[in-house]
């Protein structure tokens, strides 16, 4: 199981980038993907500020994107387990 924390870096996979470029998504998950695409990757805290979504909602979306192969969650010094 992936644990997402504020110091964890989240970025799109090539599949996720293609989905954004093809404009083949909708809803909050696609909005998060757009932020990640435009930034090249963000921490959870930065994504929370940029998206105006709360941490709990973002963690759920990030887990879904990770599971579907659209996003990577990169461990930092205390990142994911």
N, C-alpha and C. Protein backbone atom coordinates (compact mmCIF):
# COMPACT_ATOMS: atom_id res chain seq x y z
N UNK A 1 0.84 -1.19 0.00
CA UNK A 1 0.00 0.00 0.00
C UNK A 1 0.88 1.24 0.00
N UNK A 2 0.49 2.22 -0.77
CA UNK A 2 1.24 3.46 -0.88
C UNK A 2 0.75 4.45 0.16
N UNK A 3 1.68 4.98 0.94
CA UNK A 3 1.36 6.03 1.90
C UNK A 3 1.81 7.35 1.30
N UNK A 4 0.90 8.27 1.13
CA UNK A 4 1.23 9.57 0.53
C UNK A 4 1.34 10.59 1.65
N UNK A 5 2.49 11.27 1.70
CA UNK A 5 2.71 12.29 2.71
C UNK A 5 3.06 13.60 2.02
N UNK A 6 3.05 14.68 2.78
CA UNK A 6 3.29 16.01 2.22
C UNK A 6 4.65 16.14 1.56
N UNK A 7 5.66 15.41 2.01
CA UNK A 7 7.00 15.54 1.46
C UNK A 7 7.23 14.62 0.27
N UNK A 8 6.24 13.87 -0.11
CA UNK A 8 6.33 12.96 -1.23
C UNK A 8 6.13 13.73 -2.54
N UNK A 9 6.95 13.41 -3.55
CA UNK A 9 6.80 14.06 -4.85
C UNK A 9 5.91 13.20 -5.74
N UNK A 10 4.93 13.82 -6.34
CA UNK A 10 3.99 13.14 -7.22
C UNK A 10 4.19 13.70 -8.62
N UNK A 11 4.31 12.82 -9.61
CA UNK A 11 4.46 13.26 -10.99
C UNK A 11 3.73 12.30 -11.91
N UNK A 12 3.52 12.73 -13.14
CA UNK A 12 2.81 11.90 -14.11
C UNK A 12 3.76 10.93 -14.79
N UNK A 13 3.26 9.77 -15.12
CA UNK A 13 3.98 8.81 -15.94
C UNK A 13 3.79 9.23 -17.40
N UNK A 14 4.52 8.63 -18.33
CA UNK A 14 4.27 8.93 -19.74
C UNK A 14 2.80 8.67 -20.14
N UNK A 15 2.19 7.62 -19.58
CA UNK A 15 0.78 7.34 -19.85
C UNK A 15 -0.11 8.47 -19.34
N UNK A 16 0.20 8.99 -18.15
CA UNK A 16 -0.56 10.10 -17.58
C UNK A 16 -0.41 11.36 -18.41
N UNK A 17 0.82 11.63 -18.88
CA UNK A 17 1.05 12.80 -19.72
C UNK A 17 0.25 12.70 -21.02
N UNK A 18 0.22 11.50 -21.60
CA UNK A 18 -0.52 11.31 -22.85
C UNK A 18 -2.01 11.55 -22.63
N UNK A 19 -2.54 11.08 -21.49
CA UNK A 19 -3.96 11.27 -21.18
C UNK A 19 -4.29 12.76 -21.11
N UNK A 20 -3.41 13.54 -20.49
CA UNK A 20 -3.64 14.98 -20.40
C UNK A 20 -3.54 15.62 -21.79
N UNK A 21 -2.51 15.24 -22.54
CA UNK A 21 -2.33 15.82 -23.88
C UNK A 21 -3.50 15.49 -24.81
N UNK A 22 -4.08 14.30 -24.64
CA UNK A 22 -5.22 13.89 -25.45
C UNK A 22 -6.53 14.48 -24.95
N UNK A 23 -6.47 15.17 -23.80
CA UNK A 23 -7.67 15.74 -23.17
C UNK A 23 -8.74 14.67 -22.97
N UNK A 24 -8.30 13.48 -22.54
CA UNK A 24 -9.23 12.36 -22.40
C UNK A 24 -9.53 12.06 -20.93
N UNK A 25 -9.93 13.06 -20.21
CA UNK A 25 -10.29 12.87 -18.82
C UNK A 25 -11.27 13.92 -18.37
N UNK A 26 -11.78 13.72 -17.16
CA UNK A 26 -12.71 14.71 -16.60
C UNK A 26 -12.72 14.59 -15.09
N UNK A 27 -13.28 15.56 -14.45
CA UNK A 27 -13.46 15.54 -13.01
C UNK A 27 -12.21 15.91 -12.23
N UNK A 28 -12.28 15.72 -10.91
CA UNK A 28 -11.19 16.13 -10.02
C UNK A 28 -9.86 15.43 -10.32
N UNK A 29 -9.90 14.16 -10.69
CA UNK A 29 -8.66 13.45 -10.99
C UNK A 29 -7.96 14.07 -12.20
N UNK A 30 -8.73 14.44 -13.19
CA UNK A 30 -8.13 15.06 -14.38
C UNK A 30 -7.59 16.44 -14.04
N UNK A 31 -8.26 17.15 -13.15
CA UNK A 31 -7.77 18.45 -12.70
C UNK A 31 -6.41 18.30 -12.01
N UNK A 32 -6.28 17.29 -11.16
CA UNK A 32 -5.01 17.02 -10.47
C UNK A 32 -3.94 16.67 -11.51
N UNK A 33 -4.30 15.87 -12.50
CA UNK A 33 -3.36 15.51 -13.55
C UNK A 33 -2.89 16.76 -14.31
N UNK A 34 -3.79 17.70 -14.53
CA UNK A 34 -3.42 18.94 -15.19
C UNK A 34 -2.39 19.73 -14.39
N UNK A 35 -2.58 19.81 -13.08
CA UNK A 35 -1.61 20.50 -12.22
C UNK A 35 -0.26 19.81 -12.29
N UNK A 36 -0.26 18.49 -12.24
CA UNK A 36 0.99 17.74 -12.30
C UNK A 36 1.67 17.89 -13.65
N UNK A 37 0.88 17.91 -14.70
CA UNK A 37 1.42 18.07 -16.05
C UNK A 37 2.09 19.44 -16.21
N UNK A 38 1.41 20.47 -15.77
CA UNK A 38 1.93 21.83 -15.93
C UNK A 38 3.14 22.12 -15.06
N UNK A 39 3.24 21.43 -13.94
CA UNK A 39 4.34 21.70 -13.00
C UNK A 39 5.52 20.75 -13.18
N UNK A 40 5.28 19.61 -13.81
CA UNK A 40 6.34 18.61 -13.91
C UNK A 40 6.46 17.74 -12.67
N UNK A 41 5.60 17.95 -11.70
CA UNK A 41 5.60 17.19 -10.45
C UNK A 41 5.48 18.13 -9.27
N UNK A 42 4.83 17.66 -8.23
CA UNK A 42 4.59 18.51 -7.06
C UNK A 42 4.60 17.67 -5.80
N UNK A 43 4.81 18.34 -4.67
CA UNK A 43 4.60 17.69 -3.39
C UNK A 43 3.11 17.72 -3.08
N UNK A 44 2.69 16.92 -2.15
CA UNK A 44 1.28 16.92 -1.76
C UNK A 44 0.86 18.29 -1.24
N UNK A 45 1.71 18.93 -0.46
CA UNK A 45 1.40 20.27 0.06
C UNK A 45 1.22 21.29 -1.06
N UNK A 46 2.11 21.23 -2.05
CA UNK A 46 2.00 22.16 -3.19
C UNK A 46 0.73 21.88 -4.00
N UNK A 47 0.44 20.61 -4.18
CA UNK A 47 -0.76 20.22 -4.93
C UNK A 47 -2.02 20.65 -4.19
N UNK A 48 -1.99 20.54 -2.88
CA UNK A 48 -3.12 20.96 -2.05
C UNK A 48 -3.38 22.46 -2.24
N UNK A 49 -2.33 23.25 -2.24
CA UNK A 49 -2.46 24.70 -2.40
C UNK A 49 -2.93 25.05 -3.82
N UNK A 50 -2.38 24.38 -4.82
CA UNK A 50 -2.71 24.70 -6.21
C UNK A 50 -4.12 24.27 -6.60
N UNK A 51 -4.58 23.16 -6.04
CA UNK A 51 -5.86 22.60 -6.48
C UNK A 51 -7.05 23.05 -5.65
N UNK A 52 -6.79 23.63 -4.49
CA UNK A 52 -7.86 23.99 -3.55
C UNK A 52 -8.67 22.79 -3.10
N UNK A 53 -8.05 21.61 -3.10
CA UNK A 53 -8.68 20.39 -2.58
C UNK A 53 -8.03 20.05 -1.26
N UNK A 54 -8.79 19.41 -0.37
CA UNK A 54 -8.20 19.05 0.90
C UNK A 54 -7.32 17.81 0.76
N UNK A 55 -6.45 17.63 1.73
CA UNK A 55 -5.46 16.56 1.69
C UNK A 55 -6.10 15.18 1.56
N UNK A 56 -7.17 14.93 2.29
CA UNK A 56 -7.84 13.64 2.23
C UNK A 56 -8.34 13.30 0.84
N UNK A 57 -8.94 14.26 0.20
CA UNK A 57 -9.44 14.04 -1.17
C UNK A 57 -8.29 13.81 -2.14
N UNK A 58 -7.22 14.61 -1.99
CA UNK A 58 -6.07 14.45 -2.87
C UNK A 58 -5.40 13.10 -2.72
N UNK A 59 -5.26 12.63 -1.49
CA UNK A 59 -4.63 11.33 -1.26
C UNK A 59 -5.41 10.23 -1.98
N UNK A 60 -6.73 10.29 -1.90
CA UNK A 60 -7.56 9.31 -2.60
C UNK A 60 -7.36 9.37 -4.11
N UNK A 61 -7.31 10.58 -4.65
CA UNK A 61 -7.11 10.76 -6.09
C UNK A 61 -5.72 10.27 -6.49
N UNK A 62 -4.71 10.61 -5.72
CA UNK A 62 -3.34 10.19 -6.04
C UNK A 62 -3.21 8.68 -5.99
N UNK A 63 -3.82 8.06 -5.01
CA UNK A 63 -3.80 6.59 -4.95
C UNK A 63 -4.43 5.98 -6.20
N UNK A 64 -5.55 6.54 -6.63
CA UNK A 64 -6.23 6.05 -7.82
C UNK A 64 -5.35 6.25 -9.07
N UNK A 65 -4.77 7.42 -9.22
CA UNK A 65 -3.90 7.70 -10.37
C UNK A 65 -2.69 6.77 -10.37
N UNK A 66 -2.14 6.52 -9.20
CA UNK A 66 -0.99 5.62 -9.07
C UNK A 66 -1.39 4.19 -9.46
N UNK A 67 -2.51 3.75 -8.95
CA UNK A 67 -3.01 2.40 -9.24
C UNK A 67 -3.27 2.20 -10.73
N UNK A 68 -3.79 3.24 -11.39
CA UNK A 68 -4.11 3.15 -12.81
C UNK A 68 -2.90 3.40 -13.72
N UNK A 69 -1.75 3.70 -13.12
CA UNK A 69 -0.53 3.89 -13.90
C UNK A 69 -0.34 5.28 -14.47
N UNK A 70 -1.10 6.25 -13.98
CA UNK A 70 -1.00 7.61 -14.49
C UNK A 70 -0.03 8.49 -13.71
N UNK A 71 0.30 8.10 -12.50
CA UNK A 71 1.17 8.93 -11.66
C UNK A 71 2.17 8.07 -10.91
N UNK A 72 3.31 8.67 -10.61
CA UNK A 72 4.30 8.02 -9.76
C UNK A 72 4.38 8.79 -8.45
N UNK A 73 4.65 8.07 -7.41
CA UNK A 73 4.82 8.66 -6.09
C UNK A 73 6.25 8.34 -5.67
N UNK A 74 7.08 9.37 -5.61
CA UNK A 74 8.50 9.19 -5.36
C UNK A 74 8.83 9.42 -3.90
N UNK A 75 9.50 8.46 -3.32
CA UNK A 75 9.90 8.56 -1.92
C UNK A 75 11.02 9.57 -1.76
N UNK A 76 10.86 10.44 -0.78
CA UNK A 76 11.93 11.35 -0.40
C UNK A 76 12.48 10.83 0.93
N UNK A 77 13.12 11.65 1.69
CA UNK A 77 13.75 11.19 2.92
C UNK A 77 12.78 10.49 3.87
N UNK A 78 11.53 10.91 3.89
CA UNK A 78 10.53 10.28 4.74
C UNK A 78 9.27 9.95 3.97
N UNK A 79 9.33 9.92 2.65
CA UNK A 79 8.19 9.82 1.76
C UNK A 79 7.19 8.72 1.94
N UNK A 80 7.23 7.68 1.12
CA UNK A 80 6.19 6.68 1.11
C UNK A 80 6.68 5.36 1.67
N UNK A 81 5.75 4.55 2.10
CA UNK A 81 6.07 3.22 2.59
C UNK A 81 5.22 2.24 1.84
